Amino acid sequence: MVPVVKFRLVLLLLILCISTKIMAEEDDFCTLEVLELLAEVATRGTMDDRKVPKIMRDSAKHYRRHLLDQLKGQLEEVDQSDSNALEEINKTVAALAGAQVNQEICEIDDDEETRLDQISDQNDVMDMEDDSAEVITIESDDEDTQRGQSAETTTPTAEFRSGLWQCQRCKIILKGYHKENLLRHVGSHEGSTHRIACFIEGCRTKCKWGHALRAHLRHEHKLSARNLTAEQRDRLIEKERISYEKLELSLHKYFPFLSSRVDKLVERLWQCQVCQKQLIGTHEHNLLKHIGTHENIFSRCPIAGCAETCRTTSGLRNHLKNNHRLRAADLSAEQHGRLLKDERKFYESARNHLARYFPSGAKLQQQADHEAST
């Protein structure tokens, strides 16, 4: 009788494993994790709810009760005096419990404004001296930032041409010509010595760089740059300027190839003629996003039935992520087409007002258009 019971027990485990896999398939619940879960129930009679997939959490009690009843019913039929049968069952359970899945998931803090887009595609990874080097794109705030191109060498000329810069301290590779972003990375190493103190009375928080201070003001004090007084705005800009000047003195330690060509980095300070806010960067999109906040230009959510509108395209993408649990890559072809069409309309509308808010930016745009036509 014992072999029959053993066969039925193993068969029951397999059936439950397959059924659980089907139930949890939408949540990518791994088969090995299911086996581990079954082994835990069989040995301890308990279940760690954190291991239960989301689709099963609502019915976890029913699932646990059903599973325990089935397993206990089979185990009771085993002759307790037959030590060999118990030993075989224990081996089976131990084998199931020994199946491990090692999967590391890295999450980026949503509070960080800077988006670090890790490139995992083999064709995009730059062949550097350190094979473990991590390639991060910092060229744009948008999720659909163009991926980095590969380079054959790490010479100064090749680095500047490709826009890929490798930090000599941590071997991370940064992409882009934003001097500000490179200085932020230096701040991640030198931040302890170049921290910026919050100027709000009673607050003792110190941030690694100006961008982090802006995020702190927005999240902790509910103050955006446009809500600051003229005095507070001047103090913020001055603190940012001093911080970046200090970090620039350490730039050569982390990016030695860059230090000799730093004058060729495109770095401009744009001041809005209406609110006097200063923007640092090279992307016209950043200027157009700011113009959109003045002209009340909105982007509409591409999801059918959602009437949400956002002042900026990045705000719309955040809405998709936070409210619909969708990234641009997850949208259907029709939804993605509506998103791109609305973004183009947003930028075209904002570009019509470029000369009013950023006259120098409008002149540069005219020069670029002239060069493109010739």
Protein backbone atom coordinates (compact mmCIF):
# COMPACT_ATOMS: atom_id res chain seq x y z
CA MET A 1 0.00 0.00 0.00
CA VAL A 2 2.84 2.35 0.78
CA PRO A 3 4.13 2.57 -2.84
CA VAL A 4 0.60 3.43 -3.99
CA VAL A 5 0.34 6.18 -1.39
CA LYS A 6 3.74 7.52 -2.34
CA PHE A 7 2.71 7.56 -5.99
CA ARG A 8 -0.52 9.36 -5.16
CA LEU A 9 1.36 11.90 -3.02
CA VAL A 10 3.85 12.72 -5.75
CA LEU A 11 1.06 12.86 -8.31
CA LEU A 12 -0.89 15.24 -6.09
CA LEU A 13 2.13 17.52 -5.78
CA LEU A 14 2.60 17.59 -9.55
CA ILE A 15 -1.09 18.32 -10.17
CA LEU A 16 -1.08 21.14 -7.63
CA CYS A 17 2.15 22.47 -9.09
CA ILE A 18 0.73 22.58 -12.62
CA SER A 19 -2.57 24.12 -11.50
CA THR A 20 -0.77 26.74 -9.44
CA LYS A 21 1.48 27.56 -12.38
CA ILE A 22 -1.58 28.12 -14.55
CA MET A 23 -3.24 30.28 -11.91
CA ALA A 24 -0.18 32.44 -11.50
CA GLU A 25 1.01 32.56 -15.08
CA GLU A 26 -0.06 36.18 -15.49
CA ASP A 27 2.26 37.18 -12.70
CA ASP A 28 5.24 35.20 -14.01
CA PHE A 29 5.25 33.10 -10.87
CA CYS A 30 8.13 30.66 -11.34
CA THR A 31 7.46 26.91 -11.28
CA LEU A 32 10.42 26.38 -8.98
CA GLU A 33 8.95 28.87 -6.54
CA VAL A 34 5.67 26.94 -6.62
CA LEU A 35 7.54 23.74 -5.76
CA GLU A 36 9.31 25.51 -2.94
CA LEU A 37 5.97 26.79 -1.68
CA LEU A 38 4.44 23.31 -1.75
CA ALA A 39 7.44 21.85 0.06
CA GLU A 40 7.13 24.53 2.74
CA VAL A 41 3.46 23.68 3.29
CA ALA A 42 4.19 19.95 3.38
CA THR A 43 6.99 20.27 5.93
CA ARG A 44 5.84 23.13 8.14
CA GLY A 45 2.11 23.31 7.51
CA THR A 46 2.41 27.08 6.99
CA MET A 47 2.83 29.42 4.08
CA ASP A 48 4.71 32.69 3.75
CA ASP A 49 2.14 35.02 2.15
CA ARG A 50 4.94 37.13 0.67
CA LYS A 51 5.70 34.24 -1.68
CA VAL A 52 2.12 34.01 -2.90
CA PRO A 53 1.60 35.73 -6.28
CA LYS A 54 -0.69 38.73 -6.36
CA ILE A 55 -3.42 36.91 -8.25
CA MET A 56 -3.66 34.38 -5.39
CA ARG A 57 -3.43 36.70 -2.40
CA ASP A 58 -7.16 37.36 -2.17
CA SER A 59 -7.85 33.65 -1.97
CA ALA A 60 -4.71 32.68 -0.04
CA LYS A 61 -6.64 31.31 2.96
CA HIS A 62 -8.83 29.09 0.80
CA TYR A 63 -5.81 27.93 -1.19
CA ARG A 64 -3.85 27.15 1.99
CA ARG A 65 -6.76 25.23 3.55
CA HIS A 66 -7.36 23.19 0.40
CA LEU A 67 -3.68 22.39 -0.04
CA LEU A 68 -3.18 21.39 3.57
CA ASP A 69 -6.27 19.18 3.60
CA GLN A 70 -5.12 17.34 0.51
CA LEU A 71 -1.55 16.84 1.72
CA LYS A 72 -2.50 15.87 5.26
CA GLY A 73 -5.04 13.39 3.95
CA GLN A 74 -2.36 11.65 1.92
CA LEU A 75 0.26 11.76 4.68
CA GLU A 76 -2.14 10.19 7.18
CA GLU A 77 -2.40 7.11 4.96
CA VAL A 78 1.32 6.48 5.20
CA ASP A 79 2.20 3.83 7.76
CA GLN A 80 4.02 5.80 10.45
CA SER A 81 5.97 2.67 11.38
CA ASP A 82 7.44 2.45 7.91
CA SER A 83 10.55 4.57 8.33
CA ASN A 84 11.65 3.90 4.74
CA ALA A 85 8.46 5.44 3.34
CA LEU A 86 8.80 8.52 5.54
CA GLU A 87 12.45 8.84 4.54
CA GLU A 88 11.52 8.74 0.85
CA ILE A 89 8.85 11.41 1.35
CA ASN A 90 11.28 13.60 3.26
CA LYS A 91 13.82 13.27 0.44
CA THR A 92 11.16 14.30 -2.08
CA VAL A 93 10.20 17.33 -0.01
CA ALA A 94 13.87 18.25 0.56
CA ALA A 95 14.53 18.05 -3.17
CA LEU A 96 11.60 20.34 -3.84
CA ALA A 97 12.67 22.77 -1.14
CA GLY A 98 16.20 22.80 -2.54
CA ALA A 99 15.11 24.36 -5.83
CA GLN A 100 16.19 27.97 -5.68
CA VAL A 101 15.70 30.83 -8.05
CA ASN A 102 18.24 33.63 -7.84
CA GLN A 103 16.86 36.70 -9.47
CA GLU A 104 17.92 40.21 -8.63
CA ILE A 105 15.56 43.03 -9.44
CA CYS A 106 16.91 46.58 -9.31
CA GLU A 107 14.37 49.35 -8.77
CA ILE A 108 14.97 53.01 -9.31
CA ASP A 109 13.66 55.40 -6.73
CA ASP A 110 10.73 57.31 -8.27
CA ASP A 111 11.69 60.38 -6.26
CA GLU A 112 14.90 60.79 -8.20
CA GLU A 113 14.38 63.16 -11.09
CA THR A 114 17.36 61.92 -13.07
CA ARG A 115 16.44 58.86 -15.09
CA LEU A 116 19.14 56.27 -15.43
CA ASP A 117 18.36 54.01 -18.33
CA GLN A 118 20.52 50.91 -18.09
CA ILE A 119 21.41 49.43 -21.47
CA SER A 120 21.27 45.65 -21.45
CA ASP A 121 21.29 45.02 -25.19
CA GLN A 122 24.56 43.37 -26.22
CA ASN A 123 24.75 45.54 -29.33
CA ASP A 124 24.59 48.69 -27.21
CA VAL A 125 27.16 47.82 -24.56
CA MET A 126 30.49 49.49 -25.03
CA ASP A 127 33.53 47.22 -24.96
CA MET A 128 35.65 48.75 -22.21
CA GLU A 129 38.59 47.54 -20.18
CA ASP A 130 36.26 46.51 -17.37
CA ASP A 131 33.74 43.97 -18.62
CA SER A 132 31.47 44.74 -15.67
CA ALA A 133 31.12 48.39 -16.65
CA GLU A 134 27.55 49.62 -16.50
CA VAL A 135 26.30 51.77 -19.35
CA ILE A 136 23.82 54.44 -18.32
CA THR A 137 22.11 56.94 -20.59
CA ILE A 138 21.68 60.40 -19.16
CA GLU A 139 21.05 62.30 -22.35
CA SER A 140 17.37 63.03 -21.91
CA ASP A 141 14.59 63.02 -19.31
CA ASP A 142 12.27 61.06 -21.60
CA GLU A 143 11.85 57.31 -21.23
CA ASP A 144 12.39 56.78 -24.94
CA THR A 145 15.87 58.29 -24.90
CA GLN A 146 17.95 57.11 -27.81
CA ARG A 147 20.31 54.31 -26.85
CA GLY A 148 24.05 54.80 -26.73
CA GLN A 149 26.26 53.85 -29.64
CA SER A 150 29.29 51.62 -29.26
CA ALA A 151 32.86 52.83 -29.49
CA GLU A 152 36.00 50.90 -30.34
CA THR A 153 38.48 52.56 -28.02
CA THR A 154 38.62 54.66 -24.89
CA THR A 155 40.85 57.39 -26.30
CA PRO A 156 39.90 61.01 -25.58
CA THR A 157 38.88 61.60 -29.20
CA ALA A 158 36.69 58.51 -29.35
CA GLU A 159 35.07 59.33 -26.02
CA PHE A 160 34.22 62.85 -27.09
CA ARG A 161 32.96 61.76 -30.50
CA SER A 162 30.70 59.05 -29.09
CA GLY A 163 29.61 61.02 -26.04
CA LEU A 164 30.42 58.07 -23.77
CA TRP A 165 32.42 58.88 -20.65
CA GLN A 166 33.75 56.28 -18.25
CA CYS A 167 34.19 57.22 -14.61
CA GLN A 168 37.67 56.16 -13.50
CA ARG A 169 36.46 55.53 -9.96
CA CYS A 170 33.39 53.29 -10.39
CA LYS A 171 33.75 52.38 -14.11
CA ILE A 172 30.19 53.45 -14.88
CA ILE A 173 29.80 54.81 -18.41
CA LEU A 174 27.72 57.94 -18.90
CA LYS A 175 26.33 59.08 -22.21
CA GLY A 176 25.71 62.62 -23.35
CA TYR A 177 27.23 66.08 -23.51
CA HIS A 178 25.48 67.50 -20.46
CA LYS A 179 28.17 68.89 -18.24
CA GLU A 180 25.59 69.23 -15.48
CA ASN A 181 24.82 65.51 -15.54
CA LEU A 182 28.49 64.61 -15.41
CA LEU A 183 28.90 66.91 -12.43
CA ARG A 184 25.99 65.18 -10.73
CA HIS A 185 27.84 61.91 -11.04
CA VAL A 186 30.93 63.52 -9.55
CA GLY A 187 28.64 64.69 -6.77
CA SER A 188 27.70 61.07 -6.03
CA HIS A 189 31.36 60.52 -5.14
CA GLU A 190 32.19 63.94 -3.70
CA GLY A 191 28.76 64.72 -2.28
CA SER A 192 29.82 64.37 1.34
CA THR A 193 32.18 67.34 0.95
CA HIS A 194 30.04 69.49 -1.36
CA ARG A 195 26.56 69.20 0.11
CA ILE A 196 24.07 72.06 -0.27
CA ALA A 197 22.10 73.07 2.81
CA CYS A 198 18.37 73.71 2.48
CA PHE A 199 17.63 77.40 2.98
CA ILE A 200 14.13 76.89 4.47
CA GLU A 201 14.14 78.05 8.09
CA GLY A 202 14.29 75.17 10.56
CA CYS A 203 15.33 72.57 7.95
CA ARG A 204 18.76 70.98 8.38
CA THR A 205 18.70 68.80 5.27
CA LYS A 206 21.78 68.83 3.04
CA CYS A 207 21.67 67.59 -0.55
CA LYS A 208 24.41 66.31 -2.83
CA TRP A 209 23.64 68.72 -5.67
CA GLY A 210 21.25 71.43 -6.79
CA HIS A 211 18.87 69.09 -8.58
CA ALA A 212 18.44 67.06 -5.40
CA LEU A 213 17.76 70.27 -3.47
CA ARG A 214 14.98 71.16 -5.90
CA ALA A 215 13.48 67.68 -5.42
CA HIS A 216 13.76 68.09 -1.62
CA LEU A 217 11.96 71.44 -1.75
CA ARG A 218 9.19 69.97 -3.87
CA HIS A 219 8.61 66.78 -1.84
CA GLU A 220 9.33 67.93 1.72
CA HIS A 221 8.27 71.59 1.65
CA LYS A 222 5.74 71.41 -1.22
CA LEU A 223 7.59 74.20 -3.01
CA SER A 224 8.32 74.16 -6.72
CA ALA A 225 10.72 76.65 -8.27
CA ARG A 226 7.85 78.80 -9.52
CA ASN A 227 6.39 79.06 -5.99
CA LEU A 228 9.58 80.42 -4.45
CA THR A 229 9.93 84.07 -3.63
CA ALA A 230 12.41 86.13 -5.63
CA GLU A 231 14.84 85.99 -2.70
CA GLN A 232 14.50 82.23 -2.31
CA ARG A 233 14.94 81.67 -6.04
CA ASP A 234 18.10 83.75 -6.06
CA ARG A 235 19.47 81.77 -3.11
CA LEU A 236 18.67 78.49 -4.86
CA ILE A 237 20.39 79.52 -8.09
CA GLU A 238 23.42 80.80 -6.17
CA LYS A 239 23.71 77.57 -4.18
CA GLU A 240 23.49 75.53 -7.39
CA ARG A 241 26.16 77.65 -9.05
CA ILE A 242 28.57 77.32 -6.12
CA SER A 243 27.95 73.59 -5.89
CA TYR A 244 28.69 72.97 -9.57
CA GLU A 245 31.81 75.14 -9.43
CA LYS A 246 33.16 73.06 -6.55
CA LEU A 247 32.33 69.78 -8.29
CA GLU A 248 33.99 70.97 -11.49
CA LEU A 249 37.29 71.22 -9.63
CA SER A 250 37.11 67.46 -9.08
CA LEU A 251 35.95 66.62 -12.60
CA HIS A 252 39.44 65.62 -13.81
CA LYS A 253 39.74 62.92 -11.12
CA TYR A 254 36.78 60.98 -12.48
CA PHE A 255 36.82 61.92 -16.17
CA PRO A 256 40.46 62.71 -17.07
CA PHE A 257 39.82 62.55 -20.82
CA LEU A 258 37.07 65.09 -20.39
CA SER A 259 39.03 67.69 -18.41
CA SER A 260 41.10 68.79 -21.40
CA ARG A 261 38.00 69.24 -23.58
CA VAL A 262 35.55 70.58 -21.04
CA ASP A 263 35.33 73.85 -22.94
CA LYS A 264 33.75 71.96 -25.85
CA LEU A 265 30.88 70.67 -23.77
CA VAL A 266 27.66 72.35 -24.67
CA GLU A 267 26.47 74.13 -21.56
CA ARG A 268 24.06 77.02 -21.64
CA LEU A 269 22.08 78.87 -19.03
CA TRP A 270 18.66 79.86 -20.32
CA GLN A 271 16.58 82.45 -18.49
CA CYS A 272 12.85 82.71 -19.04
CA GLN A 273 11.92 86.31 -19.87
CA VAL A 274 8.54 85.97 -18.14
CA CYS A 275 9.24 84.29 -14.77
CA GLN A 276 13.05 84.75 -14.74
CA LYS A 277 13.57 81.07 -14.02
CA GLN A 278 16.94 79.78 -15.19
CA LEU A 279 17.26 76.45 -17.00
CA ILE A 280 20.51 74.59 -17.56
CA GLY A 281 20.87 72.22 -20.48
CA THR A 282 21.10 71.74 -24.21
CA HIS A 283 17.78 70.15 -25.14
CA GLU A 284 15.23 72.40 -26.78
CA HIS A 285 12.56 70.08 -25.37
CA ASN A 286 13.34 71.28 -21.85
CA LEU A 287 12.69 74.88 -22.90
CA LEU A 288 9.46 73.89 -24.65
CA LYS A 289 8.25 72.00 -21.59
CA HIS A 290 8.75 75.17 -19.53
CA ILE A 291 6.87 77.23 -22.10
CA GLY A 292 4.01 74.76 -21.86
CA THR A 293 3.56 75.59 -18.17
CA HIS A 294 3.05 79.27 -19.06
CA GLU A 295 0.82 78.79 -22.09
CA ASN A 296 -1.33 76.06 -20.48
CA ILE A 297 -0.52 73.61 -23.24
CA PHE A 298 -1.66 70.16 -22.15
CA SER A 299 -0.97 66.62 -23.25
CA ARG A 300 -3.91 64.23 -23.17
CA CYS A 301 -3.71 60.67 -21.87
CA PRO A 302 -3.81 58.17 -24.79
CA ILE A 303 -5.74 55.57 -22.78
CA ALA A 304 -9.37 55.33 -23.92
CA GLY A 305 -11.78 56.54 -21.25
CA CYS A 306 -9.14 58.53 -19.33
CA ALA A 307 -9.65 62.30 -19.42
CA GLU A 308 -6.41 63.16 -17.61
CA THR A 309 -4.34 66.01 -19.07
CA CYS A 310 -0.79 66.97 -18.08
CA ARG A 311 1.19 70.15 -18.49
CA THR A 312 4.32 68.37 -19.74
CA THR A 313 5.00 65.26 -21.78
CA SER A 314 7.14 63.85 -18.97
CA GLY A 315 4.23 64.45 -16.59
CA LEU A 316 2.00 62.47 -18.94
CA ARG A 317 4.45 59.57 -18.95
CA ASN A 318 4.54 59.67 -15.15
CA HIS A 319 0.73 59.56 -15.18
CA LEU A 320 0.81 56.45 -17.38
CA LYS A 321 3.32 54.81 -15.06
CA ASN A 322 1.63 55.70 -11.76
CA ASN A 323 -2.05 55.46 -12.69
CA HIS A 324 -2.15 52.88 -15.46
CA ARG A 325 1.01 50.93 -14.58
CA LEU A 326 2.17 51.38 -18.17
CA ARG A 327 5.35 52.59 -19.80
CA ALA A 328 5.48 53.91 -23.35
CA ALA A 329 6.84 50.54 -24.52
CA ASP A 330 3.77 48.79 -23.05
CA LEU A 331 1.25 50.79 -25.06
CA SER A 332 -0.51 49.32 -28.06
CA ALA A 333 0.39 50.61 -31.52
CA GLU A 334 -2.74 52.77 -31.57
CA GLN A 335 -2.14 54.20 -28.09
CA HIS A 336 1.54 54.85 -28.82
CA GLY A 337 0.57 56.62 -32.04
CA ARG A 338 -1.83 58.89 -30.12
CA LEU A 339 0.90 59.59 -27.53
CA LEU A 340 3.49 60.61 -30.16
CA LYS A 341 0.95 62.66 -32.10
CA ASP A 342 -0.06 64.56 -28.96
CA GLU A 343 3.59 65.13 -28.00
CA ARG A 344 4.36 66.55 -31.45
CA LYS A 345 1.37 68.86 -31.17
CA PHE A 346 2.56 69.95 -27.71
CA TYR A 347 6.07 70.81 -28.90
CA GLU A 348 4.84 72.55 -32.06
CA SER A 349 2.49 74.74 -30.03
CA ALA A 350 5.20 75.59 -27.50
CA ARG A 351 7.75 76.30 -30.25
CA ASN A 352 5.51 79.08 -31.58
CA HIS A 353 6.16 80.98 -28.33
CA LEU A 354 9.91 80.28 -28.10
CA ALA A 355 10.96 83.80 -29.10
CA ARG A 356 8.85 85.37 -26.35
CA TYR A 357 10.23 83.28 -23.48
CA PHE A 358 13.76 82.44 -24.71
CA PRO A 359 14.83 84.87 -27.47
CA SER A 360 18.36 83.46 -27.69
CA GLY A 361 16.95 79.97 -28.04
CA ALA A 362 14.76 81.12 -30.93
CA LYS A 363 17.81 82.57 -32.70
CA LEU A 364 19.72 79.30 -32.31
CA GLN A 365 16.71 77.42 -33.67
CA GLN A 366 16.59 79.70 -36.72
CA GLN A 367 20.30 79.12 -37.32
CA ALA A 368 19.86 75.36 -37.02
CA ASP A 369 16.91 75.43 -39.45
CA HIS A 370 18.94 77.51 -41.91
CA GLU A 371 21.89 75.11 -41.72
CA ALA A 372 19.60 72.13 -42.23
CA SER A 373 18.05 73.67 -45.36
CA THR A 374 21.41 74.50 -46.99
